[in-house]
Amino acid sequence: MAIPWPQMEANIINFFITKSSRSIEDSAQFFADEYKRATRLAQDPVGNYIIADKADSDIIKQGFLEAFSMNMKSPVDLKAIPWVKVSEALVKYWTLMPLFMAIPHPPATSPVPTLIPPPNLITFPGNVGSVTPGIWKAWKESGESATAKALVNVFKKHTNSLSGIYTGLSGVSPVVVPWKGLK
């Protein structure tokens, strides 16, 4: 099963439409929970899922909380600056995220029987500089649907840019196989 981006987009739209006087803390918590809920189903290119209990959504919450706070406290438009906090949180969230190893990445035929380091691991968690402009532009969209769609597209583009390595065996020989993108 792939990351349910359409469901995430619908949930964000619903959040925007039904918002009343939510605090920035509640809003940050919503985005953190929604991101983790969607990405817990992320898979590497051959179908190994992330180990979701290792994903710390508090990192995402803190990034959104800092960005929302900066925007609310500033008398001037800070442009993309606050959204760097969210981008940093997304990168930190994925840093060294382990994945299950059940399905070998060819030419590996089986995983290396070790847990330290994990045999399937995200080694490139994305780039803050490539995520920030998209998040900033998403928040400048007019309308709930446009903002939600733009945010989800940024999240999707970011997870597609992640890469990692799978350490396995081909016969008795160890192999390290790079992979790119979560689906």
N, C-alpha and C. Protein backbone atom coordinates (compact mmCIF):
# COMPACT_ATOMS: atom_id res chain seq x y z
N MET A 1 0.84 -1.19 0.00
CA MET A 1 0.00 0.00 0.00
C MET A 1 0.88 1.25 0.00
N ALA A 2 0.52 2.20 -0.79
CA ALA A 2 1.29 3.43 -0.91
C ALA A 2 0.84 4.47 0.12
N ILE A 3 1.63 5.51 0.24
CA ILE A 3 1.25 6.61 1.13
C ILE A 3 -0.08 7.18 0.64
N PRO A 4 -1.07 7.30 1.51
CA PRO A 4 -2.40 7.77 1.09
C PRO A 4 -2.47 9.30 0.97
N TRP A 5 -1.78 9.83 -0.03
CA TRP A 5 -1.75 11.29 -0.22
C TRP A 5 -3.15 11.88 -0.43
N PRO A 6 -4.02 11.28 -1.23
CA PRO A 6 -5.35 11.87 -1.41
C PRO A 6 -6.13 11.97 -0.09
N GLN A 7 -5.99 10.98 0.78
CA GLN A 7 -6.67 11.04 2.08
C GLN A 7 -6.10 12.16 2.94
N MET A 8 -4.77 12.32 2.89
CA MET A 8 -4.14 13.39 3.65
C MET A 8 -4.64 14.75 3.16
N GLU A 9 -4.72 14.90 1.86
CA GLU A 9 -5.21 16.16 1.28
C GLU A 9 -6.64 16.43 1.73
N ALA A 10 -7.49 15.43 1.68
CA ALA A 10 -8.88 15.59 2.11
C ALA A 10 -8.96 15.94 3.59
N ASN A 11 -8.12 15.33 4.41
CA ASN A 11 -8.12 15.62 5.84
C ASN A 11 -7.67 17.05 6.13
N ILE A 12 -6.69 17.53 5.36
CA ILE A 12 -6.23 18.91 5.54
C ILE A 12 -7.32 19.89 5.11
N ILE A 13 -7.96 19.61 4.00
CA ILE A 13 -9.07 20.48 3.55
C ILE A 13 -10.14 20.53 4.64
N ASN A 14 -10.52 19.37 5.15
CA ASN A 14 -11.53 19.31 6.20
C ASN A 14 -11.09 20.10 7.44
N PHE A 15 -9.83 19.99 7.79
CA PHE A 15 -9.28 20.74 8.93
C PHE A 15 -9.44 22.24 8.69
N PHE A 16 -9.09 22.70 7.49
CA PHE A 16 -9.21 24.13 7.19
C PHE A 16 -10.67 24.59 7.22
N ILE A 17 -11.55 23.79 6.66
CA ILE A 17 -12.96 24.17 6.57
C ILE A 17 -13.63 24.19 7.94
N THR A 18 -13.29 23.23 8.78
CA THR A 18 -13.96 23.12 10.08
C THR A 18 -13.23 23.84 11.20
N LYS A 19 -12.17 24.55 10.88
CA LYS A 19 -11.43 25.21 11.95
C LYS A 19 -12.31 26.26 12.62
N SER A 20 -12.20 26.28 13.91
CA SER A 20 -12.87 27.34 14.65
C SER A 20 -11.73 28.14 15.27
N SER A 21 -11.75 28.33 16.52
CA SER A 21 -10.66 29.09 17.14
C SER A 21 -9.64 28.12 17.74
N ARG A 22 -8.99 27.36 16.87
CA ARG A 22 -7.95 26.43 17.32
C ARG A 22 -6.68 27.19 17.66
N SER A 23 -5.98 26.67 18.62
CA SER A 23 -4.70 27.27 18.97
C SER A 23 -3.64 26.85 17.95
N ILE A 24 -2.52 27.56 17.95
CA ILE A 24 -1.44 27.16 17.05
C ILE A 24 -0.89 25.81 17.48
N GLU A 25 -0.96 25.53 18.76
CA GLU A 25 -0.52 24.21 19.27
C GLU A 25 -1.40 23.10 18.69
N ASP A 26 -2.72 23.31 18.69
CA ASP A 26 -3.64 22.32 18.13
C ASP A 26 -3.39 22.14 16.63
N SER A 27 -3.16 23.24 15.96
CA SER A 27 -2.90 23.16 14.52
C SER A 27 -1.60 22.42 14.23
N ALA A 28 -0.56 22.72 15.00
CA ALA A 28 0.72 22.04 14.82
C ALA A 28 0.57 20.54 15.10
N GLN A 29 -0.21 20.21 16.12
CA GLN A 29 -0.44 18.81 16.45
C GLN A 29 -1.19 18.10 15.32
N PHE A 30 -2.17 18.78 14.74
CA PHE A 30 -2.91 18.19 13.62
C PHE A 30 -1.96 17.84 12.48
N PHE A 31 -1.13 18.79 12.07
CA PHE A 31 -0.23 18.54 10.93
C PHE A 31 0.78 17.43 11.26
N ALA A 32 1.27 17.39 12.49
CA ALA A 32 2.20 16.32 12.89
C ALA A 32 1.51 14.96 12.84
N ASP A 33 0.32 14.90 13.42
CA ASP A 33 -0.41 13.63 13.43
C ASP A 33 -0.78 13.18 12.03
N GLU A 34 -1.22 14.11 11.22
CA GLU A 34 -1.64 13.77 9.86
C GLU A 34 -0.45 13.30 9.02
N TYR A 35 0.70 13.94 9.18
CA TYR A 35 1.89 13.54 8.44
C TYR A 35 2.31 12.12 8.85
N LYS A 36 2.34 11.86 10.14
CA LYS A 36 2.74 10.53 10.60
C LYS A 36 1.71 9.49 10.17
N ARG A 37 0.42 9.83 10.26
CA ARG A 37 -0.64 8.89 9.87
C ARG A 37 -0.48 8.47 8.41
N ALA A 38 -0.19 9.43 7.57
CA ALA A 38 -0.04 9.13 6.13
C ALA A 38 1.26 8.39 5.84
N THR A 39 2.36 8.88 6.40
CA THR A 39 3.66 8.31 6.03
C THR A 39 3.99 7.01 6.74
N ARG A 40 3.20 6.61 7.72
CA ARG A 40 3.45 5.32 8.39
C ARG A 40 3.31 4.16 7.41
N LEU A 41 2.68 4.44 6.28
CA LEU A 41 2.50 3.42 5.24
C LEU A 41 3.54 3.53 4.13
N ALA A 42 4.55 4.38 4.34
CA ALA A 42 5.59 4.57 3.32
C ALA A 42 6.38 3.28 3.10
N GLN A 43 6.72 3.04 1.85
CA GLN A 43 7.49 1.86 1.46
C GLN A 43 8.66 2.27 0.59
N ASP A 44 9.73 1.50 0.69
CA ASP A 44 10.85 1.70 -0.23
C ASP A 44 10.45 1.14 -1.60
N PRO A 45 11.28 1.28 -2.62
CA PRO A 45 10.88 0.86 -3.97
C PRO A 45 10.49 -0.60 -4.14
N VAL A 46 10.95 -1.49 -3.25
CA VAL A 46 10.56 -2.90 -3.40
C VAL A 46 9.42 -3.29 -2.45
N GLY A 47 8.96 -2.36 -1.61
CA GLY A 47 7.79 -2.64 -0.77
C GLY A 47 8.04 -2.83 0.71
N ASN A 48 9.24 -2.57 1.20
CA ASN A 48 9.50 -2.64 2.64
C ASN A 48 8.97 -1.38 3.31
N TYR A 49 8.18 -1.55 4.35
CA TYR A 49 7.60 -0.42 5.08
C TYR A 49 8.62 0.20 6.03
N ILE A 50 8.39 1.50 6.35
CA ILE A 50 9.20 2.12 7.39
C ILE A 50 8.81 1.47 8.72
N ILE A 51 9.70 1.54 9.68
CA ILE A 51 9.38 1.06 11.02
C ILE A 51 8.76 2.25 11.75
N ALA A 52 7.44 2.34 11.64
CA ALA A 52 6.70 3.54 12.03
C ALA A 52 6.84 3.90 13.50
N ASP A 53 7.09 2.94 14.37
CA ASP A 53 7.22 3.30 15.79
C ASP A 53 8.49 4.10 16.05
N LYS A 54 9.39 4.13 15.08
CA LYS A 54 10.60 4.94 15.21
C LYS A 54 10.38 6.39 14.74
N ALA A 55 9.24 6.65 14.12
CA ALA A 55 8.93 7.98 13.60
C ALA A 55 8.42 8.86 14.74
N ASP A 56 9.08 9.97 14.97
CA ASP A 56 8.74 10.87 16.07
C ASP A 56 7.99 12.09 15.55
N SER A 57 6.67 12.06 15.64
CA SER A 57 5.87 13.16 15.10
C SER A 57 6.03 14.44 15.91
N ASP A 58 6.58 14.34 17.13
CA ASP A 58 6.82 15.56 17.90
C ASP A 58 7.79 16.49 17.18
N ILE A 59 8.68 15.91 16.40
CA ILE A 59 9.62 16.72 15.60
C ILE A 59 8.83 17.59 14.63
N ILE A 60 7.85 16.99 13.95
CA ILE A 60 7.03 17.73 12.98
C ILE A 60 6.19 18.78 13.71
N LYS A 61 5.60 18.38 14.82
CA LYS A 61 4.78 19.33 15.60
C LYS A 61 5.60 20.55 15.97
N GLN A 62 6.81 20.34 16.47
CA GLN A 62 7.65 21.46 16.89
C GLN A 62 7.98 22.37 15.71
N GLY A 63 8.25 21.79 14.55
CA GLY A 63 8.54 22.61 13.37
C GLY A 63 7.36 23.49 12.98
N PHE A 64 6.16 22.90 12.95
CA PHE A 64 4.98 23.71 12.62
C PHE A 64 4.70 24.74 13.71
N LEU A 65 4.85 24.37 14.96
CA LEU A 65 4.60 25.29 16.06
C LEU A 65 5.51 26.51 15.97
N GLU A 66 6.79 26.26 15.71
CA GLU A 66 7.74 27.37 15.58
C GLU A 66 7.40 28.25 14.38
N ALA A 67 7.03 27.63 13.26
CA ALA A 67 6.68 28.42 12.07
C ALA A 67 5.42 29.25 12.31
N PHE A 68 4.38 28.63 12.86
CA PHE A 68 3.15 29.37 13.15
C PHE A 68 3.41 30.51 14.13
N SER A 69 4.21 30.26 15.16
CA SER A 69 4.52 31.29 16.16
C SER A 69 5.28 32.45 15.53
N MET A 70 6.27 32.14 14.72
CA MET A 70 7.03 33.20 14.06
C MET A 70 6.13 34.06 13.19
N ASN A 71 5.26 33.42 12.43
CA ASN A 71 4.35 34.17 11.55
C ASN A 71 3.38 35.05 12.34
N MET A 72 2.86 34.53 13.45
CA MET A 72 1.90 35.29 14.23
C MET A 72 2.53 36.47 14.96
N LYS A 73 3.76 36.31 15.40
CA LYS A 73 4.42 37.35 16.19
C LYS A 73 5.04 38.46 15.35
N SER A 74 5.26 38.20 14.09
CA SER A 74 5.96 39.18 13.25
C SER A 74 4.99 40.21 12.67
N PRO A 75 5.35 41.48 12.76
CA PRO A 75 4.51 42.51 12.15
C PRO A 75 4.71 42.62 10.63
N VAL A 76 5.72 41.93 10.11
CA VAL A 76 6.00 41.96 8.67
C VAL A 76 5.97 40.53 8.12
N ASP A 77 5.81 40.42 6.83
CA ASP A 77 5.83 39.12 6.17
C ASP A 77 7.26 38.59 6.19
N LEU A 78 7.46 37.47 6.84
CA LEU A 78 8.79 36.88 6.95
C LEU A 78 9.15 36.01 5.75
N LYS A 79 8.26 35.99 4.77
CA LYS A 79 8.46 35.20 3.56
C LYS A 79 8.65 33.72 3.91
N ALA A 80 9.71 33.11 3.42
CA ALA A 80 9.92 31.67 3.63
C ALA A 80 10.61 31.33 4.95
N ILE A 81 11.12 32.32 5.64
CA ILE A 81 11.95 32.07 6.83
C ILE A 81 11.28 31.14 7.86
N PRO A 82 10.04 31.37 8.28
CA PRO A 82 9.45 30.47 9.28
C PRO A 82 9.33 29.02 8.81
N TRP A 83 9.14 28.85 7.52
CA TRP A 83 8.90 27.51 6.98
C TRP A 83 10.16 26.66 6.93
N VAL A 84 11.32 27.31 7.14
CA VAL A 84 12.56 26.56 7.28
C VAL A 84 12.44 25.60 8.47
N LYS A 85 11.73 26.04 9.52
CA LYS A 85 11.55 25.20 10.71
C LYS A 85 10.80 23.91 10.37
N VAL A 86 9.79 24.00 9.52
CA VAL A 86 9.04 22.82 9.10
C VAL A 86 9.93 21.94 8.22
N SER A 87 10.66 22.55 7.31
CA SER A 87 11.55 21.79 6.44
C SER A 87 12.62 21.05 7.24
N GLU A 88 13.20 21.74 8.22
CA GLU A 88 14.20 21.09 9.08
C GLU A 88 13.57 19.91 9.83
N ALA A 89 12.34 20.10 10.27
CA ALA A 89 11.65 19.02 11.00
C ALA A 89 11.42 17.82 10.09
N LEU A 90 11.01 18.05 8.85
CA LEU A 90 10.79 16.95 7.92
C LEU A 90 12.08 16.17 7.66
N VAL A 91 13.16 16.89 7.47
CA VAL A 91 14.46 16.24 7.23
C VAL A 91 14.88 15.46 8.48
N LYS A 92 14.74 16.06 9.64
CA LYS A 92 15.11 15.37 10.88
C LYS A 92 14.24 14.12 11.11
N TYR A 93 12.96 14.23 10.81
CA TYR A 93 12.01 13.12 10.96
C TYR A 93 12.50 11.88 10.20
N TRP A 94 13.02 12.09 9.00
CA TRP A 94 13.43 10.97 8.15
C TRP A 94 14.88 10.54 8.34
N THR A 95 15.67 11.32 9.08
CA THR A 95 17.09 11.01 9.23
C THR A 95 17.29 9.64 9.88
N LEU A 96 17.98 8.77 9.17
CA LEU A 96 18.31 7.41 9.60
C LEU A 96 17.08 6.59 9.99
N MET A 97 15.95 6.87 9.35
CA MET A 97 14.73 6.09 9.60
C MET A 97 14.95 4.66 9.11
N PRO A 98 14.74 3.68 9.99
CA PRO A 98 14.89 2.29 9.56
C PRO A 98 13.64 1.79 8.84
N LEU A 99 13.84 0.85 7.95
CA LEU A 99 12.75 0.19 7.25
C LEU A 99 12.87 -1.31 7.48
N PHE A 100 11.75 -1.99 7.34
CA PHE A 100 11.81 -3.44 7.41
C PHE A 100 12.68 -3.94 6.27
N MET A 101 13.15 -5.16 6.39
CA MET A 101 14.12 -5.67 5.42
C MET A 101 13.67 -6.96 4.76
N ALA A 102 12.42 -7.32 4.90
CA ALA A 102 11.93 -8.62 4.45
C ALA A 102 12.12 -8.85 2.96
N ILE A 103 11.92 -7.83 2.16
CA ILE A 103 12.03 -7.98 0.71
C ILE A 103 13.40 -7.47 0.27
N PRO A 104 14.27 -8.34 -0.22
CA PRO A 104 15.61 -7.91 -0.62
C PRO A 104 15.58 -7.01 -1.85
N HIS A 105 16.50 -6.09 -1.89
CA HIS A 105 16.71 -5.25 -3.07
C HIS A 105 17.69 -5.98 -3.98
N PRO A 106 17.30 -6.31 -5.21
CA PRO A 106 18.23 -7.00 -6.12
C PRO A 106 19.50 -6.19 -6.30
N PRO A 107 20.66 -6.80 -6.34
CA PRO A 107 20.91 -8.23 -6.50
C PRO A 107 20.94 -9.01 -5.18
N ALA A 108 20.63 -8.37 -4.05
CA ALA A 108 20.61 -9.11 -2.78
C ALA A 108 19.50 -10.17 -2.84
N THR A 109 19.78 -11.28 -2.21
CA THR A 109 18.78 -12.36 -2.15
C THR A 109 18.25 -12.55 -0.74
N SER A 110 18.92 -11.94 0.25
CA SER A 110 18.45 -11.98 1.63
C SER A 110 19.09 -10.83 2.39
N PRO A 111 18.47 -10.41 3.50
CA PRO A 111 19.07 -9.34 4.30
C PRO A 111 20.26 -9.85 5.11
N VAL A 112 21.13 -8.94 5.49
CA VAL A 112 22.21 -9.28 6.41
C VAL A 112 21.57 -9.44 7.78
N PRO A 113 21.83 -10.53 8.47
CA PRO A 113 21.18 -10.77 9.76
C PRO A 113 21.79 -9.94 10.90
N THR A 114 21.56 -8.64 10.86
CA THR A 114 22.05 -7.74 11.90
C THR A 114 21.02 -6.63 12.11
N LEU A 115 21.03 -6.05 13.26
CA LEU A 115 20.13 -4.93 13.52
C LEU A 115 20.88 -3.64 13.76
N ILE A 116 22.21 -3.72 13.95
CA ILE A 116 23.00 -2.52 14.18
C ILE A 116 24.16 -2.53 13.21
N PRO A 117 24.24 -1.66 12.23
CA PRO A 117 23.16 -0.75 11.86
C PRO A 117 22.03 -1.51 11.17
N PRO A 118 20.85 -0.91 11.11
CA PRO A 118 19.74 -1.59 10.42
C PRO A 118 20.12 -1.85 8.96
N PRO A 119 19.76 -3.03 8.44
CA PRO A 119 20.12 -3.35 7.06
C PRO A 119 19.37 -2.55 6.00
N ASN A 120 18.33 -1.85 6.37
CA ASN A 120 17.58 -1.02 5.41
C ASN A 120 17.32 0.31 6.09
N LEU A 121 17.89 1.37 5.54
CA LEU A 121 17.99 2.62 6.27
C LEU A 121 17.95 3.82 5.32
N ILE A 122 17.24 4.88 5.72
CA ILE A 122 17.28 6.13 4.95
C ILE A 122 18.60 6.82 5.27
N THR A 123 19.37 7.11 4.22
CA THR A 123 20.66 7.77 4.40
C THR A 123 20.66 9.21 3.91
N PHE A 124 19.71 9.56 3.03
CA PHE A 124 19.56 10.95 2.60
C PHE A 124 18.12 11.36 2.89
N PRO A 125 17.91 12.15 3.97
CA PRO A 125 16.56 12.50 4.40
C PRO A 125 15.98 13.74 3.73
N GLY A 126 16.58 14.15 2.66
CA GLY A 126 16.05 15.32 1.94
C GLY A 126 16.89 16.56 2.17
N ASN A 127 16.44 17.64 1.56
CA ASN A 127 17.19 18.89 1.57
C ASN A 127 16.27 20.02 2.00
N VAL A 128 16.63 20.68 3.09
CA VAL A 128 15.82 21.79 3.62
C VAL A 128 15.60 22.85 2.55
N GLY A 129 16.64 23.15 1.78
CA GLY A 129 16.55 24.18 0.76
C GLY A 129 15.58 23.87 -0.37
N SER A 130 15.32 22.61 -0.60
CA SER A 130 14.38 22.27 -1.67
C SER A 130 12.95 22.14 -1.16
N VAL A 131 12.77 21.97 0.15
CA VAL A 131 11.43 21.81 0.72
C VAL A 131 10.82 23.16 1.11
N THR A 132 11.62 24.05 1.68
CA THR A 132 11.12 25.32 2.22
C THR A 132 10.34 26.16 1.22
N PRO A 133 10.84 26.40 0.01
CA PRO A 133 10.08 27.25 -0.91
C PRO A 133 8.68 26.71 -1.22
N GLY A 134 8.57 25.40 -1.34
CA GLY A 134 7.27 24.79 -1.62
C GLY A 134 6.28 24.96 -0.49
N ILE A 135 6.76 24.80 0.74
CA ILE A 135 5.87 24.98 1.90
C ILE A 135 5.42 26.43 1.98
N TRP A 136 6.34 27.35 1.80
CA TRP A 136 6.00 28.79 1.85
C TRP A 136 4.96 29.11 0.78
N LYS A 137 5.18 28.64 -0.45
CA LYS A 137 4.23 28.90 -1.54
C LYS A 137 2.88 28.26 -1.26
N ALA A 138 2.87 27.09 -0.65
CA ALA A 138 1.61 26.41 -0.33
C ALA A 138 0.76 27.27 0.60
N TRP A 139 1.39 27.87 1.59
CA TRP A 139 0.64 28.70 2.54
C TRP A 139 0.18 30.01 1.94
N LYS A 140 0.72 30.37 0.79
CA LYS A 140 0.30 31.61 0.12
C LYS A 140 -0.83 31.36 -0.88
N GLU A 141 -1.17 30.10 -1.10
CA GLU A 141 -2.27 29.76 -2.01
C GLU A 141 -3.59 30.31 -1.47
N SER A 142 -4.50 30.61 -2.36
CA SER A 142 -5.81 31.08 -1.90
C SER A 142 -6.79 29.92 -1.93
N GLY A 143 -7.43 29.70 -0.81
CA GLY A 143 -8.41 28.63 -0.72
C GLY A 143 -7.87 27.39 -0.05
N GLU A 144 -8.76 26.73 0.68
CA GLU A 144 -8.37 25.54 1.43
C GLU A 144 -7.86 24.42 0.53
N SER A 145 -8.57 24.17 -0.56
CA SER A 145 -8.19 23.08 -1.46
C SER A 145 -6.83 23.32 -2.10
N ALA A 146 -6.60 24.53 -2.55
CA ALA A 146 -5.32 24.84 -3.20
C ALA A 146 -4.16 24.73 -2.22
N THR A 147 -4.36 25.20 -0.99
CA THR A 147 -3.31 25.11 0.02
C THR A 147 -3.02 23.65 0.37
N ALA A 148 -4.08 22.88 0.60
CA ALA A 148 -3.91 21.47 0.95
C ALA A 148 -3.20 20.71 -0.18
N LYS A 149 -3.63 20.93 -1.40
CA LYS A 149 -3.03 20.25 -2.55
C LYS A 149 -1.54 20.61 -2.67
N ALA A 150 -1.23 21.89 -2.51
CA ALA A 150 0.17 22.33 -2.62
C ALA A 150 1.02 21.75 -1.49
N LEU A 151 0.49 21.71 -0.27
CA LEU A 151 1.24 21.12 0.85
C LEU A 151 1.52 19.64 0.60
N VAL A 152 0.49 18.92 0.20
CA VAL A 152 0.66 17.49 -0.05
C VAL A 152 1.65 17.25 -1.18
N ASN A 153 1.62 18.09 -2.20
CA ASN A 153 2.60 17.95 -3.29
C ASN A 153 4.03 18.15 -2.80
N VAL A 154 4.22 19.08 -1.87
CA VAL A 154 5.55 19.28 -1.29
C VAL A 154 5.97 18.04 -0.51
N PHE A 155 5.06 17.52 0.31
CA PHE A 155 5.37 16.32 1.10
C PHE A 155 5.69 15.14 0.18
N LYS A 156 4.91 15.00 -0.89
CA LYS A 156 5.11 13.91 -1.83
C LYS A 156 6.47 14.04 -2.54
N LYS A 157 6.77 15.24 -3.00
CA LYS A 157 8.05 15.48 -3.68
C LYS A 157 9.21 15.18 -2.73
N HIS A 158 9.04 15.58 -1.47
CA HIS A 158 10.10 15.33 -0.49
C HIS A 158 10.32 13.84 -0.27
N THR A 159 9.24 13.08 -0.06
CA THR A 159 9.42 11.64 0.18
C THR A 159 9.97 10.93 -1.06
N ASN A 160 9.67 11.45 -2.23
CA ASN A 160 10.24 10.88 -3.46
C ASN A 160 11.74 11.14 -3.57
N SER A 161 12.23 12.17 -2.86
CA SER A 161 13.66 12.52 -2.93
C SER A 161 14.50 11.75 -1.91
N LEU A 162 13.86 11.11 -0.95
CA LEU A 162 14.61 10.38 0.07
C LEU A 162 15.33 9.19 -0.56
N SER A 163 16.47 8.85 0.00
CA SER A 163 17.17 7.67 -0.50
C SER A 163 17.82 6.94 0.67
N GLY A 164 18.17 5.70 0.41
CA GLY A 164 18.75 4.89 1.45
C GLY A 164 19.58 3.76 0.90
N ILE A 165 19.98 2.88 1.79
CA ILE A 165 20.76 1.71 1.40
C ILE A 165 20.16 0.47 2.03
N TYR A 166 20.25 -0.61 1.30
CA TYR A 166 19.83 -1.92 1.77
C TYR A 166 21.07 -2.79 1.78
N THR A 167 21.42 -3.31 2.93
CA THR A 167 22.57 -4.19 3.04
C THR A 167 22.06 -5.63 3.07
N GLY A 168 22.47 -6.38 2.09
CA GLY A 168 21.99 -7.75 1.99
C GLY A 168 23.08 -8.71 1.57
N LEU A 169 22.66 -9.91 1.31
CA LEU A 169 23.57 -10.94 0.84
C LEU A 169 23.13 -11.40 -0.53
N SER A 170 24.11 -11.66 -1.36
CA SER A 170 23.87 -12.30 -2.65
C SER A 170 24.68 -13.58 -2.59
N GLY A 171 23.97 -14.66 -2.30
CA GLY A 171 24.69 -15.90 -1.98
C GLY A 171 25.31 -15.71 -0.61
N VAL A 172 26.64 -15.78 -0.54
CA VAL A 172 27.33 -15.54 0.73
C VAL A 172 28.06 -14.20 0.75
N SER A 173 27.98 -13.48 -0.38
CA SER A 173 28.68 -12.20 -0.49
C SER A 173 27.79 -11.05 -0.06
N PRO A 174 28.32 -10.12 0.76
CA PRO A 174 27.54 -8.95 1.13
C PRO A 174 27.43 -7.97 -0.04
N VAL A 175 26.26 -7.35 -0.14
CA VAL A 175 26.06 -6.29 -1.14
C VAL A 175 25.33 -5.13 -0.47
N VAL A 176 25.70 -3.94 -0.89
CA VAL A 176 25.02 -2.74 -0.43
C VAL A 176 24.32 -2.15 -1.64
N VAL A 177 23.00 -2.04 -1.55
CA VAL A 177 22.20 -1.60 -2.68
C VAL A 177 21.56 -0.25 -2.37
N PRO A 178 21.91 0.80 -3.14
CA PRO A 178 21.25 2.08 -2.92
C PRO A 178 19.83 2.05 -3.52
N TRP A 179 18.94 2.81 -2.90
CA TRP A 179 17.58 2.94 -3.44
C TRP A 179 17.15 4.39 -3.28
N LYS A 180 16.10 4.77 -4.04
CA LYS A 180 15.63 6.16 -3.98
C LYS A 180 14.12 6.20 -4.00
N GLY A 181 13.56 7.04 -3.14
CA GLY A 181 12.15 7.35 -3.14
C GLY A 181 11.29 6.42 -2.30
N LEU A 182 10.39 7.01 -1.54
CA LEU A 182 9.38 6.25 -0.82
C LEU A 182 8.08 6.41 -1.56
N LYS A 183 7.29 5.35 -1.56
CA LYS A 183 5.99 5.43 -2.23
C LYS A 183 4.88 5.21 -1.23
